[in-house]
Every structure is written in C-alpha cells, then in structure tokens.
Amino acid sequence: MMYVDYAKLPKAEVKIFADGQLVDGMEYQVKYLSKNTREFYAQIGGLKSKVKSVQIKAPKPLGAKRYIDVVFHVFELSTTDPGYDALTYQDIQQKQLESAIAYANAVFNNVYGKDPNGGQANFEFRLAKKNPAGMALALPGYNKILYDASWKASPTAQFLPTNFTAKINATAAYQWNKDKFLNIYIYPTVANTSIGNNRAAYQLVPAGQQAIEGLPISLTRKPKSRQLIFIQSTVWGFSGQFSFRSRVSK
C-alpha cells in the first residue's frame, strides 16, 4: 500500500459524496435537520472509500454571552538603565495586544475549528478600559511597568523569570483584582528559558460529564482566585502557551 497525499492531487480528481450527492469542495455543512444521519464516501479516480455514517446533532443553545476583562502588565526596561539601547530596544505595541485578544476570541469561539463536534464558548475577552480604581486607561488593557538592573541579584546577570515573579508576588499594585480582571504578564527573558509547568493543575467534572484524560480530578476542591498568565517576550514580540480559570461577567 502506498500513501498518497490527496492535497497534492488535482482537485477535479478528489470527490466527496454525501448521501450520494457530490459535495462542492472539501467541507460540508447542514442547514436543516431533515435527517439524523448522513452517509459519506470519497472517490479518487476509479477508487472509492468505505461509506462512513455520521450522526447529525442540533447545536445546543448558547445562553447569555459572557465577558472577561483582560489587563496586560507589560514590563519594559527603564530608559535610565545602563543596559537600555534606544537603537535596538523594542517596546510591546498596543496592536500586538489587540491581535492577541482577537486571536484568543477566535480560538475560544471555534472560528478556526473544523471539528464537527466543536462549539463556541460564547464568551469574549476584551481589553479592560479602566483600572481597579475606575480610572480610564490611556490604552485599553495596557499597564506598563518599568524595571531595571536593581531587580536582579547581580547587575551583570541576565534577567530571569524569578526576578519578575518575585516583584509581582510582593507588589499588590501588580495584581489587579482577580475577581474582575484576567491578569497577563509580559516580561523579557533569554532564549529557551522555561516558565515552568503551565498546565491546568486539576479539573472539576460536573455530574454526568466525562473528565478530560490526563488531568487530575478534584471532586471537592474549588478554584481559588484566578490563575495568572505569564508570557515570555522576545525582541520581536511575545508568545506563550497558557491555561486559566476565570470568573466571567455578563
């Protein structure tokens, strides 16, 4: 048997059939639930695949939309620090934060998903417009924090994640009300620096639902205040993987 990548074949040679009818393209959507199942098969030239029966289910009601106010705590090197170089240093830009929020909303609301069982969470991340005191932010969702060499154990050492997490843990102003905001921290580190285990520590499984494999289950423990998210930044921007639990508001 030889493996053939269908994507490299001429489009006219790859055909998908639903209930015996040729599908236009490689995606199929159901608008009306006139039948509970559909029969699919593929055909390439004179070769026909086995028929696969797919059950069609009506989508569940979404319910009321929820909103999560996000604040990015962006750590930027002070211009008075000896290590600051105006020719090479690049600040995190507001458009990068906006792009990150837009992408997160698209992912959590299944814009990019192709799984037929996928669904949208029906909540929206949005950049916070006000700080905890109710004052309007100059840039939505942007809280700039300046740092310098005094944060390090040695002026000649490189900045490490612990330099920033220690400051965050010791400074109440760096931790906005976690019942109202999703706090995200963006700070610089050298290449290949680990920020530790960022997987969900446990999961709460509602009665009658199936647990996600690979995560510890807690039947009695309830989430405390929201988890914080740490993102390592590079000279060209920022990236990272994260999971979180957060209360949401209507």
Protein backbone atom coordinates (compact mmCIF):
# COMPACT_ATOMS: atom_id res chain seq x y z
CA MET A 1 0.00 0.00 0.00
CA MET A 2 1.33 3.44 -0.93
CA TYR A 3 0.43 6.62 0.91
CA VAL A 4 -0.84 9.44 -1.30
CA ASP A 5 -1.39 12.99 -0.10
CA TYR A 6 -4.77 13.90 -1.57
CA ALA A 7 -3.99 17.60 -1.22
CA LYS A 8 -1.33 17.23 -3.91
CA LEU A 9 -3.72 15.61 -6.39
CA PRO A 10 -5.68 17.63 -8.96
CA LYS A 11 -8.82 18.95 -7.27
CA ALA A 12 -11.01 17.54 -10.01
CA GLU A 13 -9.80 14.01 -9.12
CA VAL A 14 -10.78 14.18 -5.43
CA LYS A 15 -14.52 13.95 -4.86
CA ILE A 16 -16.60 13.75 -1.70
CA PHE A 17 -20.15 12.46 -1.73
CA ALA A 18 -22.87 12.99 0.88
CA ASP A 19 -25.89 10.69 0.55
CA GLY A 20 -24.76 10.00 -2.99
CA GLN A 21 -24.59 13.70 -3.94
CA LEU A 22 -21.29 15.34 -4.92
CA VAL A 23 -20.12 17.87 -2.32
CA ASP A 24 -18.85 21.20 -3.59
CA GLY A 25 -15.34 21.47 -2.13
CA MET A 26 -13.92 19.68 0.92
CA GLU A 27 -16.33 20.96 3.56
CA TYR A 28 -19.94 20.05 4.23
CA GLN A 29 -22.50 21.89 6.33
CA VAL A 30 -26.03 21.01 7.30
CA LYS A 31 -28.65 23.75 7.35
CA TYR A 32 -31.72 21.65 8.02
CA LEU A 33 -32.10 18.57 10.23
CA SER A 34 -34.32 16.67 7.83
CA LYS A 35 -32.26 13.52 8.54
CA ASN A 36 -30.38 12.44 11.66
CA THR A 37 -27.55 10.79 9.72
CA ARG A 38 -25.57 11.33 6.53
CA GLU A 39 -23.61 8.77 4.52
CA PHE A 40 -20.21 9.93 3.23
CA TYR A 41 -17.57 8.45 0.98
CA ALA A 42 -14.63 9.73 -1.03
CA GLN A 43 -13.68 8.87 -4.58
CA ILE A 44 -10.35 9.37 -6.35
CA GLY A 45 -10.40 8.29 -9.96
CA GLY A 46 -11.95 4.83 -10.01
CA LEU A 47 -11.25 4.15 -6.33
CA LYS A 48 -14.00 4.56 -3.78
CA SER A 49 -13.61 4.65 0.01
CA LYS A 50 -15.75 2.85 2.53
CA VAL A 51 -19.01 4.58 3.42
CA LYS A 52 -18.96 6.40 6.76
CA SER A 53 -22.17 7.16 8.58
CA VAL A 54 -22.18 10.45 10.51
CA GLN A 55 -24.81 11.35 13.10
CA ILE A 56 -26.16 14.90 12.86
CA LYS A 57 -26.97 16.70 16.10
CA ALA A 58 -28.68 20.02 16.62
CA PRO A 59 -26.43 22.63 18.28
CA LYS A 60 -27.16 23.43 21.90
CA PRO A 61 -28.40 26.91 22.85
CA LEU A 62 -25.50 29.26 23.61
CA GLY A 63 -27.06 31.10 26.51
CA ALA A 64 -26.08 34.60 27.60
CA LYS A 65 -22.75 35.89 26.34
CA ARG A 66 -20.07 36.47 28.97
CA TYR A 67 -17.18 38.93 29.02
CA ILE A 68 -13.69 38.73 30.51
CA ASP A 69 -11.77 41.95 31.06
CA VAL A 70 -8.07 41.46 30.35
CA VAL A 71 -5.12 43.53 31.51
CA PHE A 72 -1.63 43.02 30.10
CA HIS A 73 1.04 44.00 32.62
CA VAL A 74 3.87 44.84 30.23
CA PHE A 75 7.34 45.02 31.76
CA GLU A 76 9.58 47.44 29.84
CA LEU A 77 13.22 48.26 30.58
CA SER A 78 13.68 51.74 32.04
CA THR A 79 15.36 54.18 29.67
CA THR A 80 17.67 55.16 32.55
CA ASP A 81 19.03 51.63 32.91
CA PRO A 82 22.64 51.21 31.66
CA GLY A 83 21.56 48.26 29.55
CA TYR A 84 18.94 50.24 27.63
CA ASP A 85 19.81 50.82 23.96
CA ALA A 86 17.39 53.11 22.13
CA LEU A 87 18.61 51.80 18.75
CA THR A 88 17.75 48.17 19.42
CA TYR A 89 15.14 48.08 22.19
CA GLN A 90 11.59 47.45 21.01
CA ASP A 91 8.56 48.11 23.18
CA ILE A 92 5.49 45.90 23.10
CA GLN A 93 2.93 47.68 20.92
CA GLN A 94 -0.78 48.08 21.60
CA LYS A 95 -1.59 46.45 18.25
CA GLN A 96 0.13 43.27 19.44
CA LEU A 97 -2.14 43.09 22.45
CA GLU A 98 -5.19 43.71 20.28
CA SER A 99 -4.07 40.98 17.90
CA ALA A 100 -3.58 38.53 20.78
CA ILE A 101 -7.08 39.22 22.12
CA ALA A 102 -8.64 38.84 18.67
CA TYR A 103 -6.87 35.51 18.16
CA ALA A 104 -7.89 34.21 21.59
CA ASN A 105 -11.52 35.11 20.89
CA ALA A 106 -11.39 33.35 17.53
CA VAL A 107 -9.93 30.18 19.08
CA PHE A 108 -12.26 30.00 22.07
CA ASN A 109 -15.30 30.65 19.88
CA ASN A 110 -14.38 28.00 17.30
CA VAL A 111 -13.75 30.33 14.37
CA TYR A 112 -10.81 28.23 13.20
CA GLY A 113 -12.15 24.86 14.29
CA LYS A 114 -13.15 22.17 11.81
CA ASP A 115 -14.26 19.54 14.30
CA PRO A 116 -17.95 18.76 13.67
CA ASN A 117 -18.43 18.45 17.44
CA GLY A 118 -16.71 21.75 18.14
CA GLY A 119 -18.62 24.68 19.54
CA GLN A 120 -18.11 28.21 20.65
CA ALA A 121 -17.67 29.12 24.30
CA ASN A 122 -19.78 32.24 23.78
CA PHE A 123 -17.58 34.45 25.89
CA GLU A 124 -15.40 37.33 24.84
CA PHE A 125 -12.02 38.52 26.03
CA ARG A 126 -11.87 42.29 25.96
CA LEU A 127 -9.16 44.78 26.86
CA ALA A 128 -10.02 46.46 30.15
CA LYS A 129 -10.92 50.12 29.75
CA LYS A 130 -10.49 51.08 33.41
CA ASN A 131 -8.08 50.21 36.21
CA PRO A 132 -9.25 48.77 39.58
CA ALA A 133 -9.86 52.32 40.87
CA GLY A 134 -12.24 53.02 38.00
CA MET A 135 -9.90 55.40 36.19
CA ALA A 136 -9.80 55.19 32.39
CA LEU A 137 -6.67 53.62 30.93
CA ALA A 138 -4.73 55.59 28.33
CA LEU A 139 -4.51 52.38 26.30
CA PRO A 140 -7.16 49.69 26.88
CA GLY A 141 -5.78 46.63 28.63
CA TYR A 142 -2.25 48.05 28.83
CA ASN A 143 -0.46 48.54 32.16
CA LYS A 144 3.19 49.49 31.68
CA ILE A 145 5.65 48.60 34.44
CA LEU A 146 9.27 49.78 34.29
CA TYR A 147 12.10 47.57 35.55
CA ASP A 148 15.86 47.94 35.79
CA ALA A 149 19.03 46.15 36.90
CA SER A 150 18.12 46.61 40.57
CA TRP A 151 15.61 43.79 40.13
CA LYS A 152 18.44 41.29 39.58
CA ALA A 153 20.64 39.65 42.18
CA SER A 154 23.70 40.88 40.28
CA PRO A 155 23.96 43.79 37.81
CA THR A 156 25.93 41.55 35.42
CA ALA A 157 23.43 38.67 35.50
CA GLN A 158 20.73 38.14 32.91
CA PHE A 159 17.10 38.71 33.81
CA LEU A 160 15.31 35.54 34.91
CA PRO A 161 11.59 34.82 35.35
CA THR A 162 12.08 34.74 39.11
CA ASN A 163 13.21 38.38 39.02
CA PHE A 164 9.75 39.33 37.78
CA THR A 165 7.59 36.83 39.65
CA ALA A 166 9.20 37.89 42.94
CA LYS A 167 8.26 41.51 42.25
CA ILE A 168 4.75 40.57 41.20
CA ASN A 169 4.18 38.50 44.34
CA ALA A 170 5.49 41.30 46.55
CA THR A 171 3.65 44.18 44.87
CA ALA A 172 -0.12 44.43 45.28
CA ALA A 173 -0.35 47.07 42.54
CA TYR A 174 0.90 44.49 40.03
CA GLN A 175 -2.02 42.18 40.85
CA TRP A 176 -5.31 43.68 39.80
CA ASN A 177 -8.48 42.35 41.37
CA LYS A 178 -8.51 38.76 40.14
CA ASP A 179 -12.28 38.52 40.54
CA LYS A 180 -12.70 41.25 37.91
CA PHE A 181 -9.63 41.01 35.67
CA LEU A 182 -7.64 38.35 33.89
CA ASN A 183 -4.04 39.37 34.65
CA ILE A 184 -1.48 38.61 31.94
CA TYR A 185 2.20 39.42 32.45
CA ILE A 186 4.63 40.01 29.60
CA TYR A 187 8.29 40.14 30.53
CA PRO A 188 11.63 39.54 28.78
CA THR A 189 13.85 36.52 29.29
CA VAL A 190 16.78 35.00 27.48
CA ALA A 191 16.14 32.34 24.83
CA ASN A 192 14.98 28.87 25.94
CA THR A 193 14.11 29.98 29.48
CA SER A 194 11.36 27.85 30.97
CA ILE A 195 8.50 29.40 32.91
CA GLY A 196 7.62 26.06 34.48
CA ASN A 197 4.54 23.89 34.31
CA ASN A 198 1.70 25.89 32.78
CA ARG A 199 -0.82 23.09 32.50
CA ALA A 200 -4.08 23.13 34.42
CA ALA A 201 -3.42 21.67 37.88
CA TYR A 202 -6.74 19.84 38.10
CA GLN A 203 -10.23 19.77 36.65
CA LEU A 204 -13.73 19.95 38.10
CA VAL A 205 -16.05 17.45 36.43
CA PRO A 206 -19.79 18.24 36.62
CA ALA A 207 -22.11 15.34 37.38
CA GLY A 208 -22.90 13.30 34.32
CA GLN A 209 -19.99 14.63 32.26
CA GLN A 210 -16.80 12.88 31.22
CA ALA A 211 -13.41 14.01 32.52
CA ILE A 212 -10.58 15.11 30.21
CA GLU A 213 -7.92 12.43 30.10
CA GLY A 214 -4.53 13.25 31.58
CA LEU A 215 -5.66 15.83 34.15
CA PRO A 216 -6.13 15.10 37.88
CA ILE A 217 -9.73 15.20 39.03
CA SER A 218 -10.93 17.12 42.09
CA LEU A 219 -14.41 16.40 43.40
CA THR A 220 -14.26 18.65 46.45
CA ARG A 221 -11.67 21.31 45.68
CA LYS A 222 -12.96 24.55 44.20
CA PRO A 223 -10.89 27.10 42.25
CA LYS A 224 -9.42 29.90 44.32
CA SER A 225 -8.82 33.31 42.80
CA ARG A 226 -8.00 33.27 39.14
CA GLN A 227 -4.76 31.87 37.80
CA LEU A 228 -2.25 34.35 36.44
CA ILE A 229 -0.75 34.07 32.97
CA PHE A 230 2.91 34.70 32.25
CA ILE A 231 4.15 35.29 28.71
CA GLN A 232 7.81 35.50 27.80
CA SER A 233 8.61 38.21 25.28
CA THR A 234 11.36 38.40 22.70
CA VAL A 235 12.83 41.35 20.84
CA TRP A 236 10.27 40.84 18.07
CA GLY A 237 7.15 40.42 20.16
CA PHE A 238 5.75 37.86 22.56
CA SER A 239 4.48 34.32 22.58
CA GLY A 240 3.44 31.68 25.05
CA GLN A 241 1.07 28.91 25.99
CA PHE A 242 -1.30 29.14 28.91
CA SER A 243 -4.42 27.85 30.58
CA PHE A 244 -6.58 29.65 33.12
CA ARG A 245 -9.68 29.68 35.22
CA SER A 246 -11.56 32.94 35.48
CA ARG A 247 -14.89 34.22 36.62
CA VAL A 248 -16.80 35.91 33.87
CA SER A 249 -19.36 38.68 33.93
CA LYS A 250 -22.44 39.35 31.88
